[in-house]
Amino acid sequence: MFAFWDWVGGRYSMCSAIGLSTMLAIARTNFRALLDGFHQMDEHFRTAPFEQKPPGPHGAAGHLVHGLLRSADAGRAALRAIPEALPGLLQQMTMESNGKSVTLDGRAVDYDTGAVYWASRAPRPAFLLPVDHQGTRLIPCDFIAFGQTLTPLGRHHDMLIANVFAQSEALAFGLTVEQVKAEGVPDWLVPHRIFEGNRPSNTILAERLTPAVLGALVALYEHCVFHARRHLERRLVRPVGACNWAKVLAQRIVPELEAKDAPALTHDSSTNSLIRRYRNMKEA
C-alpha cells in the first residue's frame, strides 16, 4: 500500500502514488517525463506574471462567459493524437471540483458554479455540430492540437489542423447573409447557413505530443480548476463554429499550411499567428 498526503485531492493525484499503475504501463522514463511536464507548468504558474500564465486569462475568460453570460456548458475538442482517457479525466476533474452549491466556508451560493463539460477526441466531434455551430446556447470550447503528428499520412495532418483553425475563426466572426449569398446559396437556404459568431474559443497548439507535454496539459487544467475555486466560478468555455463556413475556411487554410514559401495571410491576427506557428513547427 502506498500512501500520499491528505491534501492531495483524488482528482489531482495522477503524479502521486496513485500513478503507480500509469508508471508500470508507460515505463519509468516516460513517467518521469510526465512528472517533468507537471513541474514545468507548476513553476510557470507559480512564477510567471498573471497575463503570461495560461490558467490566469483562461480562468478569467471562463468566469466571464460562464458566470456573466450564464453559459451552462463547455466543450473541449482534441485531435486523435490525444490519449483516449484524457477527455474523461478532464471532465471528472472539472465537474467534481467545481460542481458545488456552497463555498469553501459553507455559504450557499446564488450563482452557477459548475458547467456540464463535453469532451471528445476528434477533429470535429459530433456533439459540437448541432449545438455549437448554429445553436442558441453559448458553449465555449478548447481546441487542443499539435504541430507534428505521431502518425504521418500524406497531407492528412495539414487538413486536420486547417479544420481546427477554421473552426475557431468561424466561431469568432460568424457568417453573414451577404457572405452566404455570395456563395450562390438560394434565398430559402440562407437562414440555415448564417450564424452570428462572437463566440469564444481557445486553441492550444503544442509542438508534439510527448509525456512531458501531456503532463503540462493536465497540470494546466488542474490550475484552471484551482483558479475557478478562487473566483466565484470559472468554466473553460469555448464553442466550435458553423460547420459549412468552417469547411470553406479550412479549404482556404490548407494551401497556406502547405505552401513552400511563407504565404500572405489575410485572416484575423489570432488565426494568422496559429498558421505561422504551425508552419514553424512543421519545419523544425
C-alpha atoms as a PDB file:
ATOM      1  CA  MET A   1       0.000   0.000   0.000  1.00  0.00           C
ATOM      2  CA  PHE A   2       1.383   3.416  -0.996  1.00  0.00           C
ATOM      3  CA  ALA A   3       0.323   6.483   0.959  1.00  0.00           C
ATOM      4  CA  PHE A   4       0.089  10.096  -0.186  1.00  0.00           C
ATOM      5  CA  TRP A   5      -0.615  13.350   1.625  1.00  0.00           C
ATOM      6  CA  ASP A   6      -4.202  14.042   2.670  1.00  0.00           C
ATOM      7  CA  TRP A   7      -4.104  17.462   0.997  1.00  0.00           C
ATOM      8  CA  VAL A   8      -3.721  15.865  -2.433  1.00  0.00           C
ATOM      9  CA  GLY A   9      -7.227  15.657  -3.857  1.00  0.00           C
ATOM     10  CA  GLY A  10      -8.037  12.425  -5.664  1.00  0.00           C
ATOM     11  CA  ARG A  11      -8.738  14.287  -8.887  1.00  0.00           C
ATOM     12  CA  TYR A  12      -5.212  15.785  -8.764  1.00  0.00           C
ATOM     13  CA  SER A  13      -3.403  12.605  -7.807  1.00  0.00           C
ATOM     14  CA  MET A  14      -2.053  11.305 -11.131  1.00  0.00           C
ATOM     15  CA  CYS A  15       1.510  12.287 -10.238  1.00  0.00           C
ATOM     16  CA  SER A  16       1.293  10.868  -6.704  1.00  0.00           C
ATOM     17  CA  ALA A  17       1.483   7.225  -5.606  1.00  0.00           C
ATOM     18  CA  ILE A  18      -1.879   6.802  -7.353  1.00  0.00           C
ATOM     19  CA  GLY A  19       0.089   6.994 -10.604  1.00  0.00           C
ATOM     20  CA  LEU A  20       1.965   3.741  -9.927  1.00  0.00           C
ATOM     21  CA  SER A  21      -0.191   1.846 -12.408  1.00  0.00           C
ATOM     22  CA  THR A  22       0.484   4.547 -15.011  1.00  0.00           C
ATOM     23  CA  MET A  23       4.234   4.218 -14.448  1.00  0.00           C
ATOM     24  CA  LEU A  24       4.024   0.449 -14.845  1.00  0.00           C
ATOM     25  CA  ALA A  25       2.150   0.913 -18.122  1.00  0.00           C
ATOM     26  CA  ILE A  26       4.399   3.535 -19.728  1.00  0.00           C
ATOM     27  CA  ALA A  27       7.770   2.780 -18.026  1.00  0.00           C
ATOM     28  CA  ARG A  28       9.757   4.839 -15.548  1.00  0.00           C
ATOM     29  CA  THR A  29      11.464   7.071 -18.132  1.00  0.00           C
ATOM     30  CA  ASN A  30       8.192   8.200 -19.662  1.00  0.00           C
ATOM     31  CA  PHE A  31       6.589   8.649 -16.250  1.00  0.00           C
ATOM     32  CA  ARG A  32       9.474  10.884 -15.148  1.00  0.00           C
ATOM     33  CA  ALA A  33       8.973  12.924 -18.318  1.00  0.00           C
ATOM     34  CA  LEU A  34       5.263  13.177 -17.445  1.00  0.00           C
ATOM     35  CA  LEU A  35       6.195  14.455 -13.974  1.00  0.00           C
ATOM     36  CA  ASP A  36       8.604  16.934 -15.542  1.00  0.00           C
ATOM     37  CA  GLY A  37       5.734  18.331 -17.625  1.00  0.00           C
ATOM     38  CA  PHE A  38       3.667  18.760 -14.467  1.00  0.00           C
ATOM     39  CA  HIS A  39       6.609  20.510 -12.798  1.00  0.00           C
ATOM     40  CA  GLN A  40       7.243  22.882 -15.701  1.00  0.00           C
ATOM     41  CA  MET A  41       3.619  24.033 -15.763  1.00  0.00           C
ATOM     42  CA  ASP A  42       3.520  24.311 -11.961  1.00  0.00           C
ATOM     43  CA  GLU A  43       6.636  26.504 -11.960  1.00  0.00           C
ATOM     44  CA  HIS A  44       5.276  28.609 -14.798  1.00  0.00           C
ATOM     45  CA  PHE A  45       2.014  29.097 -12.918  1.00  0.00           C
ATOM     46  CA  ARG A  46       3.900  29.953  -9.736  1.00  0.00           C
ATOM     47  CA  THR A  47       6.390  32.453 -11.163  1.00  0.00           C
ATOM     48  CA  ALA A  48       5.017  33.992 -14.372  1.00  0.00           C
ATOM     49  CA  PRO A  49       3.108  37.317 -14.395  1.00  0.00           C
ATOM     50  CA  PHE A  50      -0.660  36.827 -14.454  1.00  0.00           C
ATOM     51  CA  GLU A  51      -1.089  37.843 -18.092  1.00  0.00           C
ATOM     52  CA  GLN A  52       1.576  35.332 -19.191  1.00  0.00           C
ATOM     53  CA  LYS A  53       0.367  32.264 -17.325  1.00  0.00           C
ATOM     54  CA  PRO A  54      -2.238  30.257 -19.285  1.00  0.00           C
ATOM     55  CA  PRO A  55      -4.528  29.387 -16.333  1.00  0.00           C
ATOM     56  CA  GLY A  56      -4.896  33.079 -15.417  1.00  0.00           C
ATOM     57  CA  PRO A  57      -6.510  34.554 -18.544  1.00  0.00           C
ATOM     58  CA  HIS A  58      -8.001  31.122 -19.299  1.00  0.00           C
ATOM     59  CA  GLY A  59      -9.797  31.109 -15.954  1.00  0.00           C
ATOM     60  CA  ALA A  60     -10.780  34.768 -16.126  1.00  0.00           C
ATOM     61  CA  ALA A  61     -12.304  34.341 -19.597  1.00  0.00           C
ATOM     62  CA  GLY A  62     -14.154  31.249 -18.431  1.00  0.00           C
ATOM     63  CA  HIS A  63     -15.584  33.124 -15.456  1.00  0.00           C
ATOM     64  CA  LEU A  64     -16.765  35.915 -17.751  1.00  0.00           C
ATOM     65  CA  VAL A  65     -18.542  33.605 -20.181  1.00  0.00           C
ATOM     66  CA  HIS A  66     -19.926  31.122 -17.695  1.00  0.00           C
ATOM     67  CA  GLY A  67     -20.621  33.421 -14.756  1.00  0.00           C
ATOM     68  CA  LEU A  68     -21.775  36.585 -16.508  1.00  0.00           C
ATOM     69  CA  LEU A  69     -23.146  35.261 -19.788  1.00  0.00           C
ATOM     70  CA  ARG A  70     -24.656  32.255 -17.992  1.00  0.00           C
ATOM     71  CA  SER A  71     -23.262  29.556 -20.231  1.00  0.00           C
ATOM     72  CA  ALA A  72     -24.237  26.192 -18.765  1.00  0.00           C
ATOM     73  CA  ASP A  73     -21.983  24.069 -20.907  1.00  0.00           C
ATOM     74  CA  ALA A  74     -18.404  23.905 -22.055  1.00  0.00           C
ATOM     75  CA  GLY A  75     -16.649  21.854 -24.707  1.00  0.00           C
ATOM     76  CA  ARG A  76     -13.193  20.560 -25.467  1.00  0.00           C
ATOM     77  CA  ALA A  77     -12.110  19.054 -28.748  1.00  0.00           C
ATOM     78  CA  ALA A  78      -8.800  17.330 -29.339  1.00  0.00           C
ATOM     79  CA  LEU A  79      -7.120  15.736 -32.323  1.00  0.00           C
ATOM     80  CA  ARG A  80      -6.889  11.954 -32.293  1.00  0.00           C
ATOM     81  CA  ALA A  81      -3.314  12.043 -31.022  1.00  0.00           C
ATOM     82  CA  ILE A  82      -4.640  12.750 -27.530  1.00  0.00           C
ATOM     83  CA  PRO A  83      -4.922   9.648 -25.308  1.00  0.00           C
ATOM     84  CA  GLU A  84      -8.422   8.210 -25.198  1.00  0.00           C
ATOM     85  CA  ALA A  85      -8.774   8.731 -21.438  1.00  0.00           C
ATOM     86  CA  LEU A  86      -7.785  12.426 -21.311  1.00  0.00           C
ATOM     87  CA  PRO A  87     -11.224  13.934 -22.109  1.00  0.00           C
ATOM     88  CA  GLY A  88     -12.802  11.785 -19.380  1.00  0.00           C
ATOM     89  CA  LEU A  89     -10.093  12.771 -16.894  1.00  0.00           C
ATOM     90  CA  LEU A  90     -10.677  16.462 -17.583  1.00  0.00           C
ATOM     91  CA  GLN A  91     -14.440  16.049 -17.287  1.00  0.00           C
ATOM     92  CA  GLN A  92     -14.106  14.325 -13.933  1.00  0.00           C
ATOM     93  CA  MET A  93     -11.565  16.835 -12.649  1.00  0.00           C
ATOM     94  CA  THR A  94     -13.555  19.935 -13.504  1.00  0.00           C
ATOM     95  CA  MET A  95     -17.096  18.805 -12.727  1.00  0.00           C
ATOM     96  CA  GLU A  96     -16.238  17.057  -9.469  1.00  0.00           C
ATOM     97  CA  SER A  97     -14.193  20.004  -8.268  1.00  0.00           C
ATOM     98  CA  ASN A  98     -16.495  22.888  -9.125  1.00  0.00           C
ATOM     99  CA  GLY A  99     -19.980  21.408  -9.297  1.00  0.00           C
ATOM    100  CA  LYS A 100     -20.879  22.669  -5.829  1.00  0.00           C
ATOM    101  CA  SER A 101     -23.722  24.614  -4.206  1.00  0.00           C
ATOM    102  CA  VAL A 102     -21.750  26.101  -1.297  1.00  0.00           C
ATOM    103  CA  THR A 103     -18.462  27.988  -0.977  1.00  0.00           C
ATOM    104  CA  LEU A 104     -15.380  26.632   0.776  1.00  0.00           C
ATOM    105  CA  ASP A 105     -16.587  28.169   4.057  1.00  0.00           C
ATOM    106  CA  GLY A 106     -20.034  26.578   3.734  1.00  0.00           C
ATOM    107  CA  ARG A 107     -22.088  29.544   2.498  1.00  0.00           C
ATOM    108  CA  ALA A 108     -24.808  28.852  -0.070  1.00  0.00           C
ATOM    109  CA  VAL A 109     -24.142  30.414  -3.475  1.00  0.00           C
ATOM    110  CA  ASP A 110     -26.574  32.304  -5.699  1.00  0.00           C
ATOM    111  CA  TYR A 111     -24.684  31.839  -8.959  1.00  0.00           C
ATOM    112  CA  ASP A 112     -23.856  28.957 -11.281  1.00  0.00           C
ATOM    113  CA  THR A 113     -20.737  27.140 -10.105  1.00  0.00           C
ATOM    114  CA  GLY A 114     -20.417  24.150 -12.392  1.00  0.00           C
ATOM    115  CA  ALA A 115     -20.931  23.681 -16.096  1.00  0.00           C
ATOM    116  CA  VAL A 116     -21.593  20.400 -17.842  1.00  0.00           C
ATOM    117  CA  TYR A 117     -18.443  19.554 -19.780  1.00  0.00           C
ATOM    118  CA  TRP A 118     -18.420  17.828 -23.129  1.00  0.00           C
ATOM    119  CA  ALA A 119     -15.168  16.441 -24.431  1.00  0.00           C
ATOM    120  CA  SER A 120     -14.188  14.415 -27.456  1.00  0.00           C
ATOM    121  CA  ARG A 121     -11.035  13.091 -29.099  1.00  0.00           C
ATOM    122  CA  ALA A 122     -11.717  14.050 -32.708  1.00  0.00           C
ATOM    123  CA  PRO A 123     -11.224  16.977 -35.080  1.00  0.00           C
ATOM    124  CA  ARG A 124     -14.938  17.742 -35.317  1.00  0.00           C
ATOM    125  CA  PRO A 125     -16.881  15.979 -32.530  1.00  0.00           C
ATOM    126  CA  ALA A 126     -20.464  15.102 -33.347  1.00  0.00           C
ATOM    127  CA  PHE A 127     -21.876  16.790 -30.244  1.00  0.00           C
ATOM    128  CA  LEU A 128     -20.419  20.126 -31.333  1.00  0.00           C
ATOM    129  CA  LEU A 129     -22.154  20.184 -34.705  1.00  0.00           C
ATOM    130  CA  PRO A 130     -25.838  20.736 -33.827  1.00  0.00           C
ATOM    131  CA  VAL A 131     -25.285  22.748 -30.654  1.00  0.00           C
ATOM    132  CA  ASP A 132     -22.194  24.899 -31.097  1.00  0.00           C
ATOM    133  CA  HIS A 133     -22.375  25.665 -34.784  1.00  0.00           C
ATOM    134  CA  GLN A 134     -25.815  27.182 -35.188  1.00  0.00           C
ATOM    135  CA  GLY A 135     -27.373  26.553 -31.796  1.00  0.00           C
ATOM    136  CA  THR A 136     -28.824  29.145 -29.424  1.00  0.00           C
ATOM    137  CA  ARG A 137     -26.685  28.165 -26.424  1.00  0.00           C
ATOM    138  CA  LEU A 138     -23.298  29.708 -25.845  1.00  0.00           C
ATOM    139  CA  ILE A 139     -20.944  26.742 -25.494  1.00  0.00           C
ATOM    140  CA  PRO A 140     -17.291  27.803 -25.481  1.00  0.00           C
ATOM    141  CA  CYS A 141     -14.680  25.260 -26.487  1.00  0.00           C
ATOM    142  CA  ASP A 142     -10.987  24.492 -26.167  1.00  0.00           C
ATOM    143  CA  PHE A 143      -9.187  23.047 -29.187  1.00  0.00           C
ATOM    144  CA  ILE A 144      -6.040  21.017 -28.487  1.00  0.00           C
ATOM    145  CA  ALA A 145      -3.775  20.298 -31.449  1.00  0.00           C
ATOM    146  CA  PHE A 146      -0.139  19.517 -32.267  1.00  0.00           C
ATOM    147  CA  GLY A 147       2.244  20.882 -34.881  1.00  0.00           C
ATOM    148  CA  GLN A 148       3.841  17.485 -35.554  1.00  0.00           C
ATOM    149  CA  THR A 149       1.808  14.304 -35.886  1.00  0.00           C
ATOM    150  CA  LEU A 150       2.868  10.974 -34.403  1.00  0.00           C
ATOM    151  CA  THR A 151       1.342   9.100 -37.349  1.00  0.00           C
ATOM    152  CA  PRO A 152       2.234  10.853 -40.640  1.00  0.00           C
ATOM    153  CA  LEU A 153      -0.119  10.078 -43.512  1.00  0.00           C
ATOM    154  CA  GLY A 154       0.269  12.265 -46.584  1.00  0.00           C
ATOM    155  CA  ARG A 155      -1.358  15.663 -46.102  1.00  0.00           C
ATOM    156  CA  HIS A 156      -3.860  14.316 -43.582  1.00  0.00           C
ATOM    157  CA  HIS A 157      -2.428  16.273 -40.628  1.00  0.00           C
ATOM    158  CA  ASP A 158      -2.395  19.572 -42.510  1.00  0.00           C
ATOM    159  CA  MET A 159      -6.077  19.105 -43.315  1.00  0.00           C
ATOM    160  CA  LEU A 160      -6.911  18.344 -39.671  1.00  0.00           C
ATOM    161  CA  ILE A 161      -5.041  21.422 -38.463  1.00  0.00           C
ATOM    162  CA  ALA A 162      -6.739  23.564 -41.111  1.00  0.00           C
ATOM    163  CA  ASN A 163     -10.106  22.453 -39.760  1.00  0.00           C
ATOM    164  CA  VAL A 164      -9.073  23.333 -36.198  1.00  0.00           C
ATOM    165  CA  PHE A 165      -8.034  26.853 -37.203  1.00  0.00           C
ATOM    166  CA  ALA A 166     -11.100  27.266 -39.406  1.00  0.00           C
ATOM    167  CA  GLN A 167     -13.464  26.248 -36.604  1.00  0.00           C
ATOM    168  CA  SER A 168     -12.091  28.869 -34.210  1.00  0.00           C
ATOM    169  CA  GLU A 169     -12.083  31.550 -36.923  1.00  0.00           C
ATOM    170  CA  ALA A 170     -15.680  30.774 -37.865  1.00  0.00           C
ATOM    171  CA  LEU A 171     -16.727  30.887 -34.217  1.00  0.00           C
ATOM    172  CA  ALA A 172     -15.196  34.301 -33.758  1.00  0.00           C
ATOM    173  CA  PHE A 173     -16.519  36.007 -36.876  1.00  0.00           C
ATOM    174  CA  GLY A 174     -19.571  34.040 -37.974  1.00  0.00           C
ATOM    175  CA  LEU A 175     -21.090  34.146 -41.432  1.00  0.00           C
ATOM    176  CA  THR A 176     -23.295  36.983 -42.699  1.00  0.00           C
ATOM    177  CA  VAL A 177     -26.210  36.977 -45.135  1.00  0.00           C
ATOM    178  CA  GLU A 178     -24.055  38.761 -47.715  1.00  0.00           C
ATOM    179  CA  GLN A 179     -21.282  36.149 -47.460  1.00  0.00           C
ATOM    180  CA  VAL A 180     -23.731  33.278 -47.806  1.00  0.00           C
ATOM    181  CA  LYS A 181     -25.428  34.824 -50.845  1.00  0.00           C
ATOM    182  CA  ALA A 182     -22.035  35.458 -52.423  1.00  0.00           C
ATOM    183  CA  GLU A 183     -21.529  31.676 -52.396  1.00  0.00           C
ATOM    184  CA  GLY A 184     -24.608  31.275 -54.577  1.00  0.00           C
ATOM    185  CA  VAL A 185     -26.822  29.823 -51.855  1.00  0.00           C
ATOM    186  CA  PRO A 186     -30.552  30.073 -52.748  1.00  0.00           C
ATOM    187  CA  ASP A 187     -32.612  32.518 -50.651  1.00  0.00           C
ATOM    188  CA  TRP A 188     -34.652  29.799 -48.918  1.00  0.00           C
ATOM    189  CA  LEU A 189     -31.454  28.190 -47.609  1.00  0.00           C
ATOM    190  CA  VAL A 190     -29.721  31.391 -46.460  1.00  0.00           C
ATOM    191  CA  PRO A 191     -31.223  31.456 -42.901  1.00  0.00           C
ATOM    192  CA  HIS A 192     -29.908  27.928 -42.336  1.00  0.00           C
ATOM    193  CA  ARG A 193     -26.351  28.857 -43.308  1.00  0.00           C
ATOM    194  CA  ILE A 194     -25.767  32.093 -41.378  1.00  0.00           C
ATOM    195  CA  PHE A 195     -24.549  32.308 -37.798  1.00  0.00           C
ATOM    196  CA  GLU A 196     -23.626  35.283 -35.685  1.00  0.00           C
ATOM    197  CA  GLY A 197     -20.102  34.464 -34.498  1.00  0.00           C
ATOM    198  CA  ASN A 198     -18.735  36.322 -31.463  1.00  0.00           C
ATOM    199  CA  ARG A 199     -18.424  33.015 -29.633  1.00  0.00           C
ATOM    200  CA  PRO A 200     -15.270  32.429 -27.588  1.00  0.00           C
ATOM    201  CA  SER A 201     -12.840  29.622 -28.250  1.00  0.00           C
ATOM    202  CA  ASN A 202      -9.316  28.813 -27.152  1.00  0.00           C
ATOM    203  CA  THR A 203      -6.717  26.967 -29.237  1.00  0.00           C
ATOM    204  CA  ILE A 204      -3.828  25.146 -27.563  1.00  0.00           C
ATOM    205  CA  LEU A 205      -1.156  24.324 -30.146  1.00  0.00           C
ATOM    206  CA  ALA A 206       1.766  22.278 -28.827  1.00  0.00           C
ATOM    207  CA  GLU A 207       4.723  21.194 -30.922  1.00  0.00           C
ATOM    208  CA  ARG A 208       4.366  17.423 -30.408  1.00  0.00           C
ATOM    209  CA  LEU A 209       2.535  15.082 -28.055  1.00  0.00           C
ATOM    210  CA  THR A 210       5.110  13.740 -25.589  1.00  0.00           C
ATOM    211  CA  PRO A 211       4.757  12.543 -21.984  1.00  0.00           C
ATOM    212  CA  ALA A 212       6.073  15.937 -20.806  1.00  0.00           C
ATOM    213  CA  VAL A 213       3.557  17.857 -22.922  1.00  0.00           C
ATOM    214  CA  LEU A 214       0.736  15.616 -21.695  1.00  0.00           C
ATOM    215  CA  GLY A 215       1.790  16.302 -18.099  1.00  0.00           C
ATOM    216  CA  ALA A 216       1.832  20.045 -18.779  1.00  0.00           C
ATOM    217  CA  LEU A 217      -1.656  19.867 -20.329  1.00  0.00           C
ATOM    218  CA  VAL A 218      -3.125  18.050 -17.333  1.00  0.00           C
ATOM    219  CA  ALA A 219      -1.418  20.484 -14.950  1.00  0.00           C
ATOM    220  CA  LEU A 220      -2.778  23.409 -16.967  1.00  0.00           C
ATOM    221  CA  TYR A 221      -6.342  22.246 -16.440  1.00  0.00           C
ATOM    222  CA  GLU A 222      -5.658  21.479 -12.790  1.00  0.00           C
ATOM    223  CA  HIS A 223      -4.574  25.072 -12.263  1.00  0.00           C
ATOM    224  CA  CYS A 224      -7.603  26.304 -14.183  1.00  0.00           C
ATOM    225  CA  VAL A 225      -9.833  24.351 -11.799  1.00  0.00           C
ATOM    226  CA  PHE A 226      -7.953  25.818  -8.840  1.00  0.00           C
ATOM    227  CA  HIS A 227      -8.302  29.274 -10.364  1.00  0.00           C
ATOM    228  CA  ALA A 228     -12.034  28.720 -10.665  1.00  0.00           C
ATOM    229  CA  ARG A 229     -12.379  27.900  -6.972  1.00  0.00           C
ATOM    230  CA  ARG A 230     -10.587  31.128  -6.103  1.00  0.00           C
ATOM    231  CA  HIS A 231     -13.008  33.190  -8.216  1.00  0.00           C
ATOM    232  CA  LEU A 232     -16.754  32.705  -7.974  1.00  0.00           C
ATOM    233  CA  GLU A 233     -16.574  30.169 -10.735  1.00  0.00           C
ATOM    234  CA  ARG A 234     -14.730  29.669 -13.958  1.00  0.00           C
ATOM    235  CA  ARG A 235     -15.580  27.474 -16.893  1.00  0.00           C
ATOM    236  CA  LEU A 236     -13.319  26.627 -19.790  1.00  0.00           C
ATOM    237  CA  VAL A 237     -15.964  27.673 -22.202  1.00  0.00           C
ATOM    238  CA  ARG A 238     -15.291  27.857 -25.927  1.00  0.00           C
ATOM    239  CA  PRO A 239     -17.534  26.959 -28.961  1.00  0.00           C
ATOM    240  CA  VAL A 240     -16.907  25.454 -32.390  1.00  0.00           C
ATOM    241  CA  GLY A 241     -18.058  27.408 -35.494  1.00  0.00           C
ATOM    242  CA  ALA A 242     -20.579  26.768 -38.168  1.00  0.00           C
ATOM    243  CA  CYS A 243     -19.819  23.592 -39.986  1.00  0.00           C
ATOM    244  CA  ASN A 244     -20.270  24.747 -43.557  1.00  0.00           C
ATOM    245  CA  TRP A 245     -18.380  28.021 -43.186  1.00  0.00           C
ATOM    246  CA  ALA A 246     -15.586  26.240 -41.319  1.00  0.00           C
ATOM    247  CA  LYS A 247     -15.229  23.866 -44.277  1.00  0.00           C
ATOM    248  CA  VAL A 248     -14.880  26.834 -46.614  1.00  0.00           C
ATOM    249  CA  LEU A 249     -12.292  28.434 -44.355  1.00  0.00           C
ATOM    250  CA  ALA A 250     -10.413  25.159 -43.968  1.00  0.00           C
ATOM    251  CA  GLN A 251     -10.063  24.817 -47.747  1.00  0.00           C
ATOM    252  CA  ARG A 252      -8.511  28.280 -47.746  1.00  0.00           C
ATOM    253  CA  ILE A 253      -6.146  27.440 -44.887  1.00  0.00           C
ATOM    254  CA  VAL A 254      -4.851  24.082 -46.191  1.00  0.00           C
ATOM    255  CA  PRO A 255      -2.760  25.589 -49.046  1.00  0.00           C
ATOM    256  CA  GLU A 256      -1.443  28.212 -46.617  1.00  0.00           C
ATOM    257  CA  LEU A 257      -0.193  25.434 -44.361  1.00  0.00           C
ATOM    258  CA  GLU A 258       1.369  23.528 -47.261  1.00  0.00           C
ATOM    259  CA  ALA A 259       2.880  26.448 -49.230  1.00  0.00           C
ATOM    260  CA  LYS A 260       6.628  26.171 -49.794  1.00  0.00           C
ATOM    261  CA  ASP A 261       7.185  29.894 -49.170  1.00  0.00           C
ATOM    262  CA  ALA A 262       5.527  31.914 -46.418  1.00  0.00           C
ATOM    263  CA  PRO A 263       2.106  32.960 -47.791  1.00  0.00           C
ATOM    264  CA  ALA A 264       0.483  36.361 -47.403  1.00  0.00           C
ATOM    265  CA  LEU A 265      -2.112  35.809 -44.666  1.00  0.00           C
ATOM    266  CA  THR A 266      -5.359  37.773 -44.537  1.00  0.00           C
ATOM    267  CA  HIS A 267      -7.125  36.122 -41.595  1.00  0.00           C
ATOM    268  CA  ASP A 268      -7.560  37.688 -38.189  1.00  0.00           C
ATOM    269  CA  SER A 269      -4.422  38.135 -36.074  1.00  0.00           C
ATOM    270  CA  SER A 270      -5.103  35.024 -33.990  1.00  0.00           C
ATOM    271  CA  THR A 271      -5.551  32.697 -36.975  1.00  0.00           C
ATOM    272  CA  ASN A 272      -2.551  34.229 -38.767  1.00  0.00           C
ATOM    273  CA  SER A 273      -0.416  33.604 -35.681  1.00  0.00           C
ATOM    274  CA  LEU A 274      -1.582  29.983 -35.398  1.00  0.00           C
ATOM    275  CA  ILE A 275      -0.793  29.308 -39.057  1.00  0.00           C
ATOM    276  CA  ARG A 276       2.717  30.767 -38.699  1.00  0.00           C
ATOM    277  CA  ARG A 277       3.356  28.753 -35.527  1.00  0.00           C
ATOM    278  CA  TYR A 278       2.220  25.541 -37.177  1.00  0.00           C
ATOM    279  CA  ARG A 279       4.416  26.145 -40.236  1.00  0.00           C
ATOM    280  CA  ASN A 280       7.421  26.751 -37.965  1.00  0.00           C
ATOM    281  CA  MET A 281       6.695  23.531 -36.068  1.00  0.00           C
ATOM    282  CA  LYS A 282       6.492  21.528 -39.296  1.00  0.00           C
ATOM    283  CA  GLU A 283       9.815  22.889 -40.463  1.00  0.00           C
ATOM    284  CA  ALA A 284      11.578  22.318 -37.119  1.00  0.00           C
END
